[in-house]
Amino acid sequence: MENNVLNKSVNDYVNSLEKVVEKRKLWNEFTLPLLLKTLTEIQNKFEIGWKVQQLDWLMNSNAVNITFQTFPKSLISTLNGSTDFEFVKGASLVFSQKYNGDISVFIIYPEVSEPLPEGELNEIGSFNPNEFNENFITNKVALFLDKIIVREENLLKRKVGF
């Protein structure tokens, strides 16, 4: 029996598990609180109808998202009581820890009657929890808004009526 080969494989396996444990610990102690703090600050500073949520009902799976729930209050008066405007709520930017400890960042689009070619989920990327800081999070929120704007414009181009 070749012990050197097996020893190396066993050590590699244990090291990979240690990395996962460290990333999961980093998520709980640093990344999750930072996400909640930063996204809540963004929500409060820019009142455009979004809300921060922590999703933790699944064992070994936590997520934080910022999602559009209402039409921006600052624009409600511009509708002049009109009810013919359709606001599609539910677009979300999600930060979710994977089983390997990395953080998956993706956009979930709301369901609309006419699906767009890019689908209802847009993967932004998978990142090590130690890559996160306020600037990183803010940039992902800006990217989210850019993608939502493009989607809204495409929906408006395809929608018949006014």
Protein backbone atom coordinates (compact mmCIF):
# COMPACT_ATOMS: atom_id res chain seq x y z
CA MET A 1 0.00 0.00 0.00
CA GLU A 2 1.35 3.40 -1.05
CA ASN A 3 1.00 5.51 2.12
CA ASN A 4 2.54 8.68 0.70
CA VAL A 5 -0.15 9.04 -1.96
CA LEU A 6 -2.93 8.33 0.52
CA ASN A 7 -1.41 10.62 3.15
CA LYS A 8 -1.32 13.48 0.67
CA SER A 9 -4.93 12.89 -0.37
CA VAL A 10 -6.13 12.69 3.23
CA ASN A 11 -4.25 15.89 4.11
CA ASP A 12 -5.69 17.67 1.06
CA TYR A 13 -9.19 16.58 2.05
CA VAL A 14 -8.79 17.79 5.64
CA ASN A 15 -7.32 21.09 4.42
CA SER A 16 -10.27 21.64 2.07
CA LEU A 17 -12.71 21.08 4.93
CA GLU A 18 -10.76 23.49 7.13
CA LYS A 19 -11.09 26.15 4.41
CA VAL A 20 -14.86 25.60 4.23
CA VAL A 21 -15.18 25.85 8.03
CA GLU A 22 -13.11 29.06 8.03
CA LYS A 23 -15.24 30.65 5.27
CA ARG A 24 -18.46 29.69 7.04
CA LYS A 25 -17.11 31.19 10.28
CA LEU A 26 -16.10 34.36 8.41
CA TRP A 27 -19.62 34.61 6.97
CA ASN A 28 -21.22 34.46 10.43
CA GLU A 29 -18.78 36.73 12.21
CA PHE A 30 -17.97 39.32 9.54
CA THR A 31 -19.67 39.08 6.14
CA LEU A 32 -23.28 38.63 7.25
CA PRO A 33 -23.21 41.53 9.76
CA LEU A 34 -21.44 43.73 7.19
CA LEU A 35 -24.04 42.90 4.52
CA LEU A 36 -26.92 43.65 6.86
CA LYS A 37 -25.36 46.93 8.02
CA THR A 38 -24.36 48.17 4.56
CA LEU A 39 -27.57 47.17 2.79
CA THR A 40 -29.70 48.68 5.58
CA GLU A 41 -27.74 51.94 5.31
CA ILE A 42 -28.34 51.94 1.54
CA GLN A 43 -32.05 51.19 2.06
CA ASN A 44 -32.40 54.07 4.52
CA LYS A 45 -30.36 56.57 2.52
CA PHE A 46 -32.06 55.87 -0.81
CA GLU A 47 -35.77 55.43 -0.16
CA ILE A 48 -36.83 53.87 -3.45
CA GLY A 49 -39.15 51.17 -2.20
CA TRP A 50 -36.68 48.44 -1.33
CA LYS A 51 -36.22 46.42 1.83
CA VAL A 52 -33.38 44.35 3.30
CA GLN A 53 -34.22 40.81 4.38
CA GLN A 54 -32.24 38.09 6.08
CA LEU A 55 -33.23 34.64 4.94
CA ASP A 56 -32.17 31.96 7.39
CA TRP A 57 -34.91 29.34 7.47
CA LEU A 58 -32.89 26.61 5.75
CA MET A 59 -30.33 24.60 7.69
CA ASN A 60 -26.80 25.43 6.51
CA SER A 61 -28.09 28.06 4.10
CA ASN A 62 -28.22 31.76 4.88
CA ALA A 63 -28.85 34.67 2.59
CA VAL A 64 -29.35 38.41 2.67
CA ASN A 65 -31.20 40.29 -0.02
CA ILE A 66 -32.38 43.73 -0.91
CA THR A 67 -35.64 43.59 -2.80
CA PHE A 68 -38.07 46.06 -4.34
CA GLN A 69 -41.40 45.93 -2.51
CA THR A 70 -43.13 49.22 -3.28
CA PHE A 71 -43.17 52.02 -5.81
CA PRO A 72 -40.84 54.86 -4.67
CA LYS A 73 -42.78 57.26 -2.40
CA SER A 74 -41.12 60.25 -4.06
CA LEU A 75 -42.78 59.30 -7.38
CA ILE A 76 -46.27 58.41 -6.16
CA SER A 77 -47.45 62.02 -6.45
CA THR A 78 -46.35 62.11 -10.11
CA LEU A 79 -48.90 59.41 -10.92
CA ASN A 80 -51.73 61.88 -10.06
CA GLY A 81 -53.93 59.05 -8.84
CA SER A 82 -53.48 57.09 -12.05
CA THR A 83 -53.88 53.36 -11.67
CA ASP A 84 -52.81 52.38 -15.18
CA PHE A 85 -49.11 52.25 -14.31
CA GLU A 86 -47.83 48.76 -13.68
CA PHE A 87 -45.07 48.46 -11.09
CA VAL A 88 -43.53 45.02 -11.02
CA LYS A 89 -42.18 44.39 -7.53
CA GLY A 90 -39.93 41.62 -6.37
CA ALA A 91 -36.57 42.20 -8.06
CA SER A 92 -33.89 41.15 -5.58
CA LEU A 93 -30.14 41.25 -5.19
CA VAL A 94 -29.20 38.15 -3.19
CA PHE A 95 -26.04 37.30 -1.27
CA SER A 96 -26.16 33.62 -0.29
CA GLN A 97 -23.52 31.40 1.23
CA LYS A 98 -22.87 28.17 -0.64
CA TYR A 99 -22.02 24.91 1.08
CA ASN A 100 -18.33 25.43 0.24
CA GLY A 101 -18.40 28.73 2.15
CA ASP A 102 -18.18 31.05 -0.87
CA ILE A 103 -20.84 33.72 -1.34
CA SER A 104 -23.01 33.56 -4.44
CA VAL A 105 -24.30 36.93 -5.62
CA PHE A 106 -27.21 36.91 -8.02
CA ILE A 107 -30.28 38.82 -9.15
CA ILE A 108 -33.75 37.38 -9.08
CA TYR A 109 -36.13 39.13 -11.44
CA PRO A 110 -39.84 39.38 -10.76
CA GLU A 111 -42.16 37.22 -12.77
CA VAL A 112 -43.74 39.10 -15.66
CA SER A 113 -46.28 38.00 -18.23
CA GLU A 114 -43.74 38.19 -21.07
CA PRO A 115 -40.48 36.47 -20.11
CA LEU A 116 -37.30 38.09 -21.35
CA PRO A 117 -34.53 36.08 -23.02
CA GLU A 118 -32.07 36.48 -20.12
CA GLY A 119 -34.31 34.47 -17.79
CA GLU A 120 -35.38 35.12 -14.24
CA LEU A 121 -31.99 34.64 -12.56
CA ASN A 122 -28.76 36.45 -13.28
CA GLU A 123 -25.62 35.10 -11.61
CA ILE A 124 -23.18 37.91 -10.83
CA GLY A 125 -20.51 35.67 -9.38
CA SER A 126 -19.18 33.61 -6.53
CA PHE A 127 -16.81 35.26 -4.08
CA ASN A 128 -14.71 34.40 -1.05
CA PRO A 129 -16.24 36.00 2.08
CA ASN A 130 -12.99 37.84 2.78
CA GLU A 131 -13.46 39.85 -0.46
CA PHE A 132 -16.40 41.72 1.05
CA ASN A 133 -16.23 45.32 2.23
CA GLU A 134 -18.63 48.28 2.00
CA ASN A 135 -17.31 49.31 -1.42
CA PHE A 136 -17.68 45.77 -2.81
CA ILE A 137 -21.30 45.60 -1.60
CA THR A 138 -22.13 49.10 -2.87
CA ASN A 139 -20.74 48.22 -6.30
CA LYS A 140 -22.91 45.11 -6.45
CA VAL A 141 -25.99 47.18 -5.56
CA ALA A 142 -25.11 49.68 -8.33
CA LEU A 143 -24.70 46.80 -10.79
CA PHE A 144 -28.08 45.43 -9.66
CA LEU A 145 -29.75 48.78 -10.33
CA ASP A 146 -28.09 49.02 -13.76
CA LYS A 147 -29.42 45.58 -14.70
CA ILE A 148 -32.90 46.41 -13.40
CA ILE A 149 -32.94 49.61 -15.46
CA VAL A 150 -32.02 47.67 -18.63
CA ARG A 151 -34.70 45.10 -17.86
CA GLU A 152 -37.36 47.75 -17.23
CA GLU A 153 -36.47 49.51 -20.48
CA ASN A 154 -36.70 46.23 -22.39
CA LEU A 155 -40.08 45.48 -20.81
CA LEU A 156 -41.33 48.94 -21.77
CA LYS A 157 -40.17 48.51 -25.38
CA ARG A 158 -42.07 45.23 -25.70
CA LYS A 159 -45.23 46.28 -23.87
CA VAL A 160 -48.11 47.58 -25.96
CA GLY A 161 -50.09 50.49 -24.54
CA PHE A 162 -49.19 53.46 -22.40
